[in-house]
N, C-alpha and C. Protein backbone atom coordinates (compact mmCIF):
# COMPACT_ATOMS: atom_id res chain seq x y z
N UNK A 1 39.18 218.27 116.89
CA UNK A 1 38.11 217.07 117.34
C UNK A 1 37.96 215.86 116.46
N UNK A 2 37.95 214.74 116.96
CA UNK A 2 38.31 213.41 116.39
C UNK A 2 36.55 213.31 115.78
N UNK A 3 36.66 212.33 114.57
CA UNK A 3 35.59 211.86 114.19
C UNK A 3 34.79 210.77 114.96
N UNK A 4 35.98 209.77 115.29
CA UNK A 4 35.27 208.58 115.80
C UNK A 4 34.84 208.47 117.23
N UNK A 5 35.12 209.45 117.84
CA UNK A 5 34.68 209.62 119.35
C UNK A 5 35.13 208.59 120.01
N UNK A 6 36.28 207.98 119.68
CA UNK A 6 36.75 206.79 120.60
C UNK A 6 38.21 207.36 121.49
N UNK A 7 38.42 206.73 122.23
CA UNK A 7 39.61 207.13 123.02
C UNK A 7 41.07 206.58 122.60
N UNK A 8 40.89 206.15 121.55
CA UNK A 8 42.60 205.28 121.14
C UNK A 8 43.15 206.63 120.55
N UNK A 9 44.40 206.29 120.67
CA UNK A 9 45.29 207.57 120.54
C UNK A 9 45.46 207.65 118.66
N UNK A 10 45.55 208.79 118.48
CA UNK A 10 45.88 209.10 116.92
C UNK A 10 47.36 209.07 116.82
N UNK A 11 48.01 209.08 115.54
CA UNK A 11 49.14 208.70 114.88
C UNK A 11 50.42 209.38 116.04
N UNK A 12 50.33 210.68 116.25
CA UNK A 12 51.18 211.67 116.94
C UNK A 12 50.86 211.41 118.36
N UNK A 13 49.90 210.63 118.93
CA UNK A 13 49.77 210.61 120.37
C UNK A 13 50.57 209.39 121.27
N UNK A 14 51.35 208.68 120.39
CA UNK A 14 52.17 207.40 120.87
C UNK A 14 53.82 207.78 120.57
N UNK A 15 54.66 207.22 121.16
CA UNK A 15 56.07 206.98 120.95
C UNK A 15 56.28 205.41 120.92
N UNK A 16 57.17 204.92 120.24
CA UNK A 16 57.62 203.50 120.16
C UNK A 16 59.16 203.46 121.13
N UNK A 17 59.27 202.74 121.70
CA UNK A 17 60.72 202.64 122.24
C UNK A 17 60.93 201.04 122.65
N UNK A 18 62.32 200.76 122.75
CA UNK A 18 62.65 199.57 123.27
C UNK A 18 61.86 199.18 124.57
N UNK A 19 61.48 197.77 124.48
CA UNK A 19 60.69 197.39 125.65
C UNK A 19 62.08 196.93 126.66
N UNK A 20 61.40 197.08 128.14
CA UNK A 20 62.27 196.69 129.14
C UNK A 20 61.78 195.47 129.83
N UNK A 21 62.42 195.01 130.73
CA UNK A 21 62.08 193.75 131.47
C UNK A 21 60.68 194.09 132.52
N UNK A 22 60.98 195.56 132.74
CA UNK A 22 59.65 196.06 133.64
C UNK A 22 58.50 196.03 132.92
N UNK A 23 58.37 196.11 131.42
CA UNK A 23 57.31 196.05 131.05
C UNK A 23 56.57 194.76 130.76
N UNK A 24 57.37 193.85 131.17
CA UNK A 24 56.84 192.43 130.77
C UNK A 24 55.15 192.33 131.13
N UNK A 25 54.80 192.93 132.61
CA UNK A 25 53.52 192.64 132.94
C UNK A 25 52.52 193.61 131.93
N UNK A 26 52.81 194.58 131.55
CA UNK A 26 52.10 195.48 130.64
C UNK A 26 51.78 194.60 129.21
N UNK A 27 53.08 193.93 129.15
CA UNK A 27 53.18 193.75 127.32
C UNK A 27 52.06 192.54 127.46
N UNK A 28 52.03 191.58 128.58
CA UNK A 28 51.00 190.56 128.61
C UNK A 28 49.71 191.06 128.50
N UNK A 29 49.24 192.21 129.52
CA UNK A 29 47.95 192.94 129.40
C UNK A 29 47.71 193.09 128.09
N UNK A 30 48.36 193.95 127.20
CA UNK A 30 48.45 194.53 125.91
C UNK A 30 47.88 193.14 124.98
N UNK A 31 48.71 192.19 124.84
CA UNK A 31 48.65 190.82 124.40
C UNK A 31 47.39 190.41 124.56
N UNK A 32 47.09 190.05 125.52
CA UNK A 32 45.59 189.71 126.21
C UNK A 32 44.41 190.34 125.47
N UNK A 33 44.60 191.49 125.77
CA UNK A 33 43.48 192.60 125.43
C UNK A 33 43.38 192.39 123.74
N UNK A 34 44.45 192.44 122.97
CA UNK A 34 44.32 192.49 121.57
C UNK A 34 43.77 191.13 121.00
N UNK A 35 43.94 189.95 121.61
CA UNK A 35 43.41 188.67 121.23
C UNK A 35 42.16 188.74 121.82
N UNK A 36 41.74 189.06 122.98
CA UNK A 36 40.45 189.02 123.52
C UNK A 36 39.46 189.95 122.83
N UNK A 37 39.93 191.28 122.29
CA UNK A 37 39.04 192.15 121.57
C UNK A 37 39.08 191.92 120.21
N UNK A 38 40.07 191.54 119.41
CA UNK A 38 39.89 191.59 117.88
C UNK A 38 39.73 189.94 117.27
N UNK A 39 40.47 189.15 118.00
CA UNK A 39 40.27 187.75 117.99
C UNK A 39 38.78 187.18 117.89
N UNK A 40 37.73 187.35 118.66
CA UNK A 40 36.47 186.71 118.37
C UNK A 40 35.90 187.02 117.01
N UNK A 41 36.30 187.99 116.21
CA UNK A 41 35.60 188.19 115.04
C UNK A 41 36.07 187.27 114.04
N UNK A 42 37.09 186.41 114.25
CA UNK A 42 37.63 185.29 113.55
C UNK A 42 37.97 184.28 113.97
N UNK A 43 37.95 183.95 115.20
CA UNK A 43 38.04 182.44 115.93
C UNK A 43 37.05 182.42 116.63
N UNK A 44 36.49 181.09 117.05
CA UNK A 44 35.54 180.60 117.98
C UNK A 44 36.20 181.23 119.44
N UNK A 45 35.27 181.00 120.23
CA UNK A 45 35.47 181.37 121.81
C UNK A 45 36.56 180.41 122.45
N UNK A 46 36.58 179.02 121.91
CA UNK A 46 37.84 178.11 122.91
C UNK A 46 38.77 178.40 121.99
N UNK A 47 39.06 178.82 120.84
CA UNK A 47 40.44 179.11 120.18
C UNK A 47 40.95 180.55 120.91
N UNK A 48 40.25 181.57 120.97
CA UNK A 48 40.71 182.46 121.68
C UNK A 48 41.13 182.76 123.25
N UNK A 49 40.44 181.52 123.86
CA UNK A 49 40.43 181.49 125.31
C UNK A 49 42.14 180.66 125.20
N UNK A 50 42.14 179.69 124.37
CA UNK A 50 43.65 178.86 124.11
C UNK A 50 44.67 179.64 123.91
N UNK A 51 44.21 180.59 122.99
CA UNK A 51 45.24 181.60 122.31
C UNK A 51 45.78 182.82 123.42
N UNK A 52 44.89 183.14 124.26
CA UNK A 52 44.91 183.84 125.40
C UNK A 52 45.86 183.48 126.74
N UNK A 53 45.75 182.12 126.84
CA UNK A 53 46.14 181.37 128.12
C UNK A 53 47.55 181.40 127.94
N UNK A 54 47.79 181.50 129.35
CA UNK A 54 49.46 181.35 129.51
C UNK A 54 50.16 182.65 129.22
N UNK A 55 49.64 184.05 129.11
CA UNK A 55 50.20 184.95 128.62
C UNK A 55 50.64 185.68 130.07
N UNK A 56 51.78 185.55 130.46
CA UNK A 56 52.19 186.05 131.76
C UNK A 56 53.75 186.67 131.68
N UNK A 57 54.06 187.50 132.69
CA UNK A 57 55.24 188.00 132.53
C UNK A 57 56.38 187.33 132.41
N UNK A 58 56.41 186.02 132.97
CA UNK A 58 57.30 185.13 132.46
C UNK A 58 57.62 184.98 131.28
N UNK A 59 56.79 184.66 130.51
CA UNK A 59 56.74 184.36 128.92
C UNK A 59 57.57 185.61 128.12
N UNK A 60 57.27 186.72 128.55
CA UNK A 60 58.13 187.84 128.01
C UNK A 60 59.48 188.05 128.67
N UNK A 61 59.47 187.68 129.73
CA UNK A 61 61.07 187.97 130.41
C UNK A 61 61.87 186.66 129.65
N UNK A 62 61.36 185.69 129.56
CA UNK A 62 62.12 184.55 129.26
C UNK A 62 62.54 184.66 127.72
N UNK A 63 61.60 185.35 126.92
CA UNK A 63 61.89 185.62 125.47
C UNK A 63 63.03 186.74 125.30
N UNK A 64 62.83 187.74 126.46
CA UNK A 64 64.27 188.75 126.38
C UNK A 64 65.38 188.38 126.70
N UNK A 65 65.39 187.09 127.81
CA UNK A 65 66.73 186.81 127.92
C UNK A 65 67.12 185.77 126.98
N UNK A 66 66.28 185.31 126.17
CA UNK A 66 66.98 184.33 125.06
C UNK A 66 67.21 185.26 123.80
N UNK A 67 66.98 186.59 124.13
CA UNK A 67 67.40 187.64 122.59
C UNK A 67 66.30 188.17 122.12
N UNK A 68 65.27 187.82 122.10
CA UNK A 68 63.91 188.10 121.23
C UNK A 68 64.07 189.73 121.52
N UNK A 69 63.69 190.46 120.56
CA UNK A 69 63.86 191.94 120.86
C UNK A 69 62.38 192.38 120.79
N UNK A 70 61.95 193.34 121.77
CA UNK A 70 60.88 193.75 121.85
C UNK A 70 60.55 195.16 121.71
N UNK A 71 59.44 195.82 121.19
CA UNK A 71 59.39 197.49 121.21
C UNK A 71 57.70 197.66 121.67
N UNK A 72 57.77 198.50 122.35
CA UNK A 72 56.36 199.00 122.76
C UNK A 72 55.92 200.22 122.19
N UNK A 73 54.92 200.55 122.10
CA UNK A 73 53.95 201.90 121.83
C UNK A 73 53.50 202.26 123.26
N UNK A 74 53.67 203.45 123.46
CA UNK A 74 53.23 204.16 124.57
C UNK A 74 52.55 205.68 124.35
N UNK A 75 51.65 206.10 125.28
CA UNK A 75 51.34 207.21 125.46
C UNK A 75 52.43 208.35 125.12
N UNK A 76 52.27 209.50 124.38
CA UNK A 76 53.38 210.28 124.03
C UNK A 76 53.54 211.01 125.41
N UNK A 77 52.17 211.43 125.91
CA UNK A 77 51.97 212.32 127.02
C UNK A 77 52.61 211.61 128.25
N UNK A 78 52.90 210.20 128.24
CA UNK A 78 53.33 209.67 129.57
C UNK A 78 52.36 208.62 129.92
N UNK A 79 52.65 208.00 130.88
CA UNK A 79 51.74 206.56 131.39
C UNK A 79 52.45 205.50 130.96
N UNK A 80 52.07 204.51 131.86
CA UNK A 80 52.14 203.03 131.96
C UNK A 80 51.86 202.22 131.01
N UNK A 81 50.56 202.31 130.40
CA UNK A 81 49.79 201.31 129.77
C UNK A 81 50.49 201.21 128.28
N UNK A 82 50.61 200.12 128.13
CA UNK A 82 51.34 199.93 126.60
C UNK A 82 50.06 199.42 125.73
N UNK A 83 50.12 200.23 124.74
CA UNK A 83 48.91 200.20 123.78
C UNK A 83 49.28 199.39 122.77
N UNK A 84 50.65 198.87 122.58
CA UNK A 84 50.68 197.70 121.60
C UNK A 84 52.39 197.23 121.80
N UNK A 85 52.67 195.97 120.99
CA UNK A 85 54.09 195.61 121.11
C UNK A 85 54.50 195.17 119.73
N UNK A 86 55.64 194.80 119.60
CA UNK A 86 56.26 193.99 118.34
C UNK A 86 57.12 193.51 118.70
N UNK A 87 57.95 192.54 118.24
CA UNK A 87 58.93 191.71 118.41
C UNK A 87 59.69 191.08 117.42
N UNK A 88 61.07 190.78 117.69
CA UNK A 88 61.57 190.16 116.34
C UNK A 88 62.70 189.21 117.16
N UNK A 89 62.64 188.17 116.61
CA UNK A 89 63.35 186.64 116.96
C UNK A 89 64.01 186.10 116.18
N UNK A 90 65.06 185.52 116.21
CA UNK A 90 66.09 184.68 115.29
C UNK A 90 66.05 183.44 116.09
N UNK A 91 65.58 182.29 114.86
CA UNK A 91 65.33 180.66 115.29
C UNK A 91 65.99 180.15 114.24
N UNK A 92 67.27 179.55 114.68
CA UNK A 92 68.33 179.50 113.38
C UNK A 92 68.51 180.37 112.42
N UNK A 93 68.09 180.02 111.47
CA UNK A 93 68.25 181.14 110.21
C UNK A 93 67.01 181.85 109.93
N UNK A 94 65.94 181.36 110.59
CA UNK A 94 64.73 182.37 110.34
C UNK A 94 64.67 183.36 111.20
N UNK A 95 64.05 184.48 110.61
CA UNK A 95 63.60 185.63 111.59
C UNK A 95 62.20 185.80 111.23
N UNK A 96 61.79 186.05 112.62
CA UNK A 96 60.21 186.04 112.70
C UNK A 96 59.72 187.46 113.68
N UNK A 97 58.84 187.83 113.37
CA UNK A 97 58.04 188.93 114.14
C UNK A 97 56.67 188.83 114.50
N UNK A 98 56.39 189.50 115.32
CA UNK A 98 54.68 189.66 115.76
C UNK A 98 54.40 191.12 116.13
N UNK A 99 53.01 191.42 115.99
CA UNK A 99 52.64 192.59 116.50
C UNK A 99 51.30 192.38 116.89
N UNK A 100 51.06 193.09 118.04
CA UNK A 100 49.89 192.96 118.77
C UNK A 100 49.49 194.61 118.95
N UNK A 101 48.31 194.81 119.08
CA UNK A 101 47.76 196.33 119.54
C UNK A 101 46.38 196.32 120.14
N UNK A 102 46.34 196.81 121.37
CA UNK A 102 45.00 196.79 122.09
C UNK A 102 43.97 196.90 121.20
N UNK A 103 42.64 196.33 121.20
CA UNK A 103 41.70 196.44 120.48
C UNK A 103 40.99 198.13 120.45
N UNK A 104 41.30 199.04 121.48
CA UNK A 104 40.83 200.55 121.08
C UNK A 104 41.98 201.21 120.63
N UNK A 105 43.21 200.76 120.28
CA UNK A 105 44.31 201.53 119.85
C UNK A 105 44.63 201.19 118.28
N UNK A 106 43.64 200.22 117.85
CA UNK A 106 43.76 199.41 116.52
C UNK A 106 43.39 200.82 115.30
N UNK A 107 44.09 200.38 114.31
CA UNK A 107 43.79 201.46 113.18
C UNK A 107 44.11 202.90 113.30
N UNK A 108 45.27 203.12 114.03
CA UNK A 108 45.82 204.41 114.29
C UNK A 108 47.28 204.55 113.92
N UNK A 109 47.91 203.68 112.91
CA UNK A 109 49.27 203.36 112.93
C UNK A 109 49.95 202.96 113.64
N UNK A 110 49.81 202.52 114.88
CA UNK A 110 50.46 202.21 115.96
C UNK A 110 51.04 200.73 115.34
N UNK A 111 50.47 199.79 114.98
CA UNK A 111 50.80 198.63 114.43
C UNK A 111 51.76 198.73 113.31
N UNK A 112 51.80 199.55 112.50
CA UNK A 112 52.46 200.00 111.54
C UNK A 112 53.93 200.46 111.89
N UNK A 113 53.86 201.30 112.89
CA UNK A 113 55.03 201.78 113.56
C UNK A 113 55.92 200.94 114.27
N UNK A 114 55.08 199.71 115.16
CA UNK A 114 55.74 198.63 115.50
C UNK A 114 56.24 198.23 114.70
N UNK A 115 55.70 197.35 113.66
CA UNK A 115 56.26 196.73 112.48
C UNK A 115 57.58 197.11 112.01
N UNK A 116 57.64 198.58 111.87
CA UNK A 116 58.73 199.03 111.09
C UNK A 116 60.04 199.04 112.39
N UNK A 117 59.89 199.13 113.71
CA UNK A 117 60.73 198.79 114.51
C UNK A 117 61.36 197.18 114.74
N UNK A 118 60.49 196.40 114.42
CA UNK A 118 60.57 195.11 114.51
C UNK A 118 61.34 194.60 112.94
N UNK A 119 61.05 195.33 112.12
CA UNK A 119 61.84 195.05 110.71
C UNK A 119 63.39 195.87 110.90
N UNK A 120 63.35 196.91 111.69
CA UNK A 120 64.88 197.49 111.62
C UNK A 120 65.63 196.70 112.45
N UNK A 121 64.97 195.92 113.56
CA UNK A 121 66.10 195.08 114.32
C UNK A 121 66.18 193.82 113.38
N UNK A 122 65.28 193.32 112.55
CA UNK A 122 65.70 191.87 111.60
C UNK A 122 66.72 192.22 110.76
N UNK A 123 66.71 193.61 110.41
CA UNK A 123 67.76 194.43 109.17
C UNK A 123 68.98 194.29 110.08
N UNK A 124 69.16 195.03 110.91
CA UNK A 124 70.24 194.92 111.62
C UNK A 124 70.97 193.56 112.21
N UNK A 125 69.90 192.62 112.41
CA UNK A 125 70.50 191.28 112.55
C UNK A 125 70.88 190.57 111.29
N UNK A 126 70.83 190.94 110.19
CA UNK A 126 71.03 190.61 108.92
C UNK A 126 70.08 189.76 108.02
N UNK A 127 68.96 189.79 108.56
CA UNK A 127 67.71 188.88 107.83
C UNK A 127 67.46 189.37 106.55
N UNK A 128 67.24 188.67 105.57
CA UNK A 128 67.08 188.83 104.18
C UNK A 128 65.51 188.83 104.07
N UNK A 129 64.77 188.02 105.00
CA UNK A 129 63.37 188.20 104.92
C UNK A 129 62.88 187.99 106.53
N UNK A 130 61.59 188.10 106.62
CA UNK A 130 60.92 187.59 107.98
C UNK A 130 59.68 186.70 107.55
N UNK A 131 59.97 185.62 108.22
CA UNK A 131 58.33 184.62 108.07
C UNK A 131 57.63 184.83 109.29
N UNK A 132 56.12 184.71 109.17
CA UNK A 132 55.27 184.45 110.28
C UNK A 132 54.17 183.78 109.74
N UNK A 133 53.51 183.28 110.83
CA UNK A 133 52.40 182.50 111.05
C UNK A 133 51.57 183.70 111.50
N UNK A 134 50.58 184.48 110.70
CA UNK A 134 49.88 185.29 110.77
C UNK A 134 48.31 184.72 111.02
N UNK A 135 47.98 185.34 112.50
CA UNK A 135 46.63 184.93 112.74
C UNK A 135 45.53 185.48 111.47
N UNK A 136 44.46 184.95 111.59
CA UNK A 136 43.27 185.42 110.35
C UNK A 136 43.37 186.96 110.55
N UNK A 137 43.07 187.21 112.18
CA UNK A 137 42.94 188.60 112.31
C UNK A 137 43.86 189.56 112.12
N UNK A 138 45.02 188.95 111.52
CA UNK A 138 46.03 189.86 110.84
C UNK A 138 46.43 189.98 110.05
N UNK A 139 46.12 188.86 108.92
CA UNK A 139 46.40 189.08 107.68
C UNK A 139 46.19 190.26 106.67
N UNK A 140 45.22 191.04 106.83
CA UNK A 140 45.10 192.21 106.04
C UNK A 140 46.16 193.49 106.56
N UNK A 141 46.47 193.48 107.71
CA UNK A 141 47.58 193.88 108.26
C UNK A 141 48.75 193.87 107.84
N UNK A 142 49.40 192.66 107.84
CA UNK A 142 50.87 192.36 107.25
C UNK A 142 50.68 192.20 105.77
N UNK A 143 49.52 191.77 104.97
CA UNK A 143 49.56 192.15 103.61
C UNK A 143 49.90 193.64 103.37
N UNK A 144 49.20 194.59 103.77
CA UNK A 144 49.12 195.84 103.81
C UNK A 144 50.88 196.37 104.16
N UNK A 145 51.52 195.60 104.91
CA UNK A 145 52.73 196.32 105.31
C UNK A 145 53.79 195.15 104.53
N UNK A 146 53.38 194.53 103.34
CA UNK A 146 54.44 194.07 102.38
C UNK A 146 54.68 192.85 102.61
N UNK A 147 53.80 191.89 103.06
CA UNK A 147 53.89 190.47 103.42
C UNK A 147 53.28 189.85 102.20
N UNK A 148 53.62 188.70 101.67
CA UNK A 148 53.02 187.74 100.86
C UNK A 148 52.49 186.44 101.74
N UNK A 149 51.37 186.04 101.18
CA UNK A 149 51.03 184.76 101.76
C UNK A 149 51.77 183.69 100.74
N UNK A 150 52.52 182.66 101.68
CA UNK A 150 53.22 181.59 101.13
C UNK A 150 52.56 180.12 101.36
N UNK A 151 51.42 180.18 101.88
CA UNK A 151 50.68 179.03 102.54
C UNK A 151 49.53 179.22 103.51
N UNK A 152 48.68 178.27 104.05
CA UNK A 152 47.83 178.02 105.06
C UNK A 152 48.11 177.11 105.85
N UNK A 153 47.71 177.03 107.06
CA UNK A 153 47.72 175.99 107.75
C UNK A 153 47.35 176.26 109.22
N UNK A 154 47.98 175.60 110.37
CA UNK A 154 47.81 175.89 111.42
C UNK A 154 49.13 176.38 112.41
N UNK A 155 48.93 176.91 113.21
CA UNK A 155 49.72 177.57 114.39
C UNK A 155 49.42 176.67 115.73
N UNK A 156 50.54 176.02 116.11
CA UNK A 156 50.38 175.59 117.62
C UNK A 156 50.69 176.62 118.50
N UNK A 157 49.67 176.49 119.58
CA UNK A 157 49.77 177.36 120.32
C UNK A 157 50.42 176.65 121.62
N UNK A 158 51.02 177.69 122.83
CA UNK A 158 51.37 177.12 123.72
C UNK A 158 50.85 176.08 124.49
N UNK A 159 49.55 176.16 124.35
CA UNK A 159 48.63 175.10 125.34
C UNK A 159 48.55 173.60 124.50
N UNK A 160 49.05 173.88 123.40
CA UNK A 160 48.93 172.46 122.33
C UNK A 160 47.74 172.74 121.58
N UNK A 161 46.91 173.60 121.57
CA UNK A 161 45.83 173.84 120.58
C UNK A 161 46.53 174.18 119.45
N UNK A 162 45.46 173.83 118.24
CA UNK A 162 45.92 174.59 117.03
C UNK A 162 44.89 175.71 116.58
N UNK A 163 45.20 176.66 115.75
CA UNK A 163 44.53 177.61 115.42
C UNK A 163 44.96 177.82 113.86
N UNK A 164 43.93 178.47 112.96
CA UNK A 164 44.22 178.66 111.64
C UNK A 164 45.14 179.75 111.76
N UNK A 165 46.10 179.63 110.60
CA UNK A 165 46.83 180.63 110.34
C UNK A 165 47.13 180.76 109.00
N UNK A 166 47.91 182.04 108.69
CA UNK A 166 48.21 182.02 107.18
C UNK A 166 49.60 182.35 107.37
N UNK A 167 50.44 181.70 106.58
CA UNK A 167 52.13 181.68 106.46
C UNK A 167 52.36 182.98 105.57
N UNK A 168 53.19 183.79 105.94
CA UNK A 168 53.53 184.83 105.29
C UNK A 168 55.10 185.14 105.19
N UNK A 169 55.52 185.86 104.47
CA UNK A 169 57.00 186.26 104.14
C UNK A 169 56.97 187.65 103.46
N UNK A 170 58.11 188.45 104.14
CA UNK A 170 58.25 189.76 103.60
C UNK A 170 59.79 189.59 103.05
N UNK A 171 60.40 190.07 102.23
CA UNK A 171 61.53 190.13 101.62
C UNK A 171 62.06 191.57 102.03
N UNK A 172 63.19 191.74 103.04
CA UNK A 172 63.81 193.02 103.45
C UNK A 172 64.72 193.54 102.20
N UNK A 173 64.30 194.88 101.90
CA UNK A 173 65.41 195.59 101.33
C UNK A 173 66.79 195.84 102.01
N UNK A 174 67.87 195.64 101.50
CA UNK A 174 68.95 195.98 102.29
C UNK A 174 69.32 197.46 102.32
């Protein structure tokens, strides 16, 4: 029996797999859920709204077509709900990643497992390090996963709005 009585999955209740184009709608839903359920603890309503706007199937399909690698966490017993996702992208010489987990699935090892999948992709692509613009809500997560702060500033959202962020880097062991 679980202590917290939530419906969030336990560490062994999910599997990580490469995402497929058919996952794009579910990735968008998980992304929105993460932002809307966790983001308000760190940002005002206007920032959360701008951050969550424009998250549609096409955004992820275009990213996949451009070569961005996505990984999803799904319930081990089956089902289409995506509990969270990570991605690895290459922009010139820079490797970046992102991890988002649904609010009710947070703090159960899903984000860390997704981070490991993205890091493996980065290593396979020859990355020596990963750079990210961490949202304020994700700083502790990334720090716990070996990232160090390199500065603070603003991340420009697709809407053109800015949100406070922490620039972070992780050096990857070969």
